[in-house]
Amino acid sequence: MRYKVYDEEDKKERTLEECVTPLEVGSVGRVQVKKGDTREVHHFRVLEELKA
């Protein structure tokens, strides 16, 4: 599933690709993101679900 989300840590909108966990629009979830060789936990506010 693909979602348009607002990244609370980076203060910007981004798109989550290939998200395995179903997310609810309007909810805030913790998601692990990969930055280079490291993984960080970011809080994302789900704005909308994008159709394929």
N, C-alpha and C. Protein backbone atom coordinates (compact mmCIF):
# COMPACT_ATOMS: atom_id res chain seq x y z
N MET A 1 0.84 -1.19 0.00
CA MET A 1 0.00 0.00 0.00
C MET A 1 0.88 1.24 0.00
N ARG A 2 0.37 2.29 -0.59
CA ARG A 2 1.10 3.57 -0.62
C ARG A 2 0.29 4.62 0.13
N TYR A 3 0.99 5.44 0.89
CA TYR A 3 0.33 6.48 1.67
C TYR A 3 1.07 7.80 1.51
N LYS A 4 0.29 8.89 1.50
CA LYS A 4 0.89 10.22 1.60
C LYS A 4 0.85 10.58 3.09
N VAL A 5 2.02 10.89 3.66
CA VAL A 5 2.11 11.13 5.10
C VAL A 5 2.88 12.42 5.37
N TYR A 6 2.70 12.95 6.58
CA TYR A 6 3.48 14.09 7.04
C TYR A 6 4.47 13.59 8.07
N ASP A 7 5.75 13.80 7.81
CA ASP A 7 6.82 13.35 8.70
C ASP A 7 7.01 14.39 9.80
N GLU A 8 6.69 14.03 11.05
CA GLU A 8 6.77 14.97 12.17
C GLU A 8 8.23 15.37 12.47
N GLU A 9 9.17 14.44 12.28
CA GLU A 9 10.58 14.74 12.59
C GLU A 9 11.22 15.62 11.51
N ASP A 10 10.99 15.29 10.24
CA ASP A 10 11.59 16.07 9.14
C ASP A 10 10.75 17.28 8.76
N LYS A 11 9.54 17.38 9.30
CA LYS A 11 8.62 18.50 9.02
C LYS A 11 8.35 18.66 7.53
N LYS A 12 8.04 17.53 6.86
CA LYS A 12 7.71 17.60 5.44
C LYS A 12 6.83 16.44 5.04
N GLU A 13 6.14 16.60 3.90
CA GLU A 13 5.31 15.52 3.37
C GLU A 13 6.18 14.54 2.62
N ARG A 14 5.82 13.28 2.70
CA ARG A 14 6.52 12.26 1.91
C ARG A 14 5.54 11.15 1.58
N THR A 15 5.97 10.26 0.70
CA THR A 15 5.14 9.12 0.30
C THR A 15 5.77 7.84 0.83
N LEU A 16 4.96 7.03 1.50
CA LEU A 16 5.42 5.72 1.96
C LEU A 16 5.10 4.72 0.87
N GLU A 17 6.12 4.04 0.37
CA GLU A 17 5.95 3.02 -0.67
C GLU A 17 6.01 1.65 -0.02
N GLU A 18 5.28 0.70 -0.56
CA GLU A 18 5.33 -0.70 -0.12
C GLU A 18 5.15 -0.84 1.40
N CYS A 19 4.18 -0.17 1.92
CA CYS A 19 3.89 -0.25 3.36
C CYS A 19 3.11 -1.53 3.63
N VAL A 20 3.65 -2.38 4.51
CA VAL A 20 3.03 -3.67 4.78
C VAL A 20 1.87 -3.54 5.76
N THR A 21 2.01 -2.66 6.73
CA THR A 21 1.00 -2.48 7.76
C THR A 21 -0.08 -1.52 7.27
N PRO A 22 -1.36 -1.92 7.32
CA PRO A 22 -2.42 -0.99 6.93
C PRO A 22 -2.50 0.17 7.93
N LEU A 23 -2.53 1.39 7.42
CA LEU A 23 -2.61 2.57 8.27
C LEU A 23 -3.95 3.25 8.07
N GLU A 24 -4.45 3.90 9.12
CA GLU A 24 -5.73 4.59 9.06
C GLU A 24 -5.49 6.07 8.80
N VAL A 25 -6.24 6.63 7.84
CA VAL A 25 -6.10 8.05 7.51
C VAL A 25 -6.47 8.89 8.73
N GLY A 26 -5.63 9.87 9.06
CA GLY A 26 -5.87 10.72 10.22
C GLY A 26 -5.13 10.26 11.46
N SER A 27 -4.60 9.05 11.43
CA SER A 27 -3.89 8.54 12.60
C SER A 27 -2.42 8.93 12.54
N VAL A 28 -1.75 8.82 13.68
CA VAL A 28 -0.31 9.06 13.75
C VAL A 28 0.34 7.73 14.10
N GLY A 29 1.31 7.33 13.28
CA GLY A 29 1.96 6.05 13.52
C GLY A 29 3.46 6.18 13.54
N ARG A 30 4.10 5.26 14.24
CA ARG A 30 5.57 5.21 14.26
C ARG A 30 6.01 4.28 13.15
N VAL A 31 6.91 4.77 12.31
CA VAL A 31 7.37 3.98 11.17
C VAL A 31 8.89 4.02 11.14
N GLN A 32 9.50 2.87 10.87
CA GLN A 32 10.96 2.83 10.71
C GLN A 32 11.30 3.25 9.29
N VAL A 33 12.19 4.24 9.15
CA VAL A 33 12.64 4.66 7.83
C VAL A 33 14.13 4.38 7.71
N LYS A 34 14.55 4.06 6.51
CA LYS A 34 15.95 3.75 6.29
C LYS A 34 16.63 4.98 5.71
N LYS A 35 17.66 5.47 6.39
CA LYS A 35 18.43 6.62 5.90
C LYS A 35 19.87 6.17 5.76
N GLY A 36 20.28 5.93 4.51
CA GLY A 36 21.63 5.42 4.29
C GLY A 36 21.75 4.03 4.87
N ASP A 37 22.71 3.84 5.76
CA ASP A 37 22.91 2.53 6.38
C ASP A 37 22.18 2.39 7.71
N THR A 38 21.56 3.47 8.20
CA THR A 38 20.92 3.44 9.50
C THR A 38 19.39 3.43 9.36
N ARG A 39 18.72 3.02 10.42
CA ARG A 39 17.26 3.06 10.48
C ARG A 39 16.85 4.00 11.59
N GLU A 40 15.85 4.83 11.31
CA GLU A 40 15.34 5.77 12.31
C GLU A 40 13.84 5.55 12.47
N VAL A 41 13.32 5.84 13.66
CA VAL A 41 11.88 5.76 13.89
C VAL A 41 11.32 7.17 13.78
N HIS A 42 10.37 7.36 12.87
CA HIS A 42 9.74 8.66 12.68
C HIS A 42 8.25 8.54 12.95
N HIS A 43 7.64 9.64 13.37
CA HIS A 43 6.19 9.68 13.57
C HIS A 43 5.56 10.27 12.31
N PHE A 44 4.64 9.54 11.71
CA PHE A 44 3.98 9.98 10.50
C PHE A 44 2.50 10.19 10.76
N ARG A 45 1.98 11.32 10.30
CA ARG A 45 0.54 11.56 10.31
C ARG A 45 0.03 11.18 8.92
N VAL A 46 -0.88 10.22 8.84
CA VAL A 46 -1.36 9.71 7.56
C VAL A 46 -2.35 10.71 6.97
N LEU A 47 -2.04 11.24 5.77
CA LEU A 47 -2.89 12.21 5.13
C LEU A 47 -3.90 11.54 4.19
N GLU A 48 -3.43 10.58 3.37
CA GLU A 48 -4.35 9.89 2.47
C GLU A 48 -3.72 8.59 1.97
N GLU A 49 -4.58 7.68 1.53
CA GLU A 49 -4.11 6.44 0.93
C GLU A 49 -4.08 6.64 -0.58
N LEU A 50 -2.94 6.31 -1.19
CA LEU A 50 -2.79 6.49 -2.62
C LEU A 50 -3.10 5.17 -3.33
N LYS A 51 -3.87 5.25 -4.39
CA LYS A 51 -4.22 4.05 -5.16
C LYS A 51 -3.10 3.75 -6.15
N ALA A 52 -2.93 2.49 -6.48
CA ALA A 52 -1.86 2.07 -7.40
C ALA A 52 -2.11 2.54 -8.82
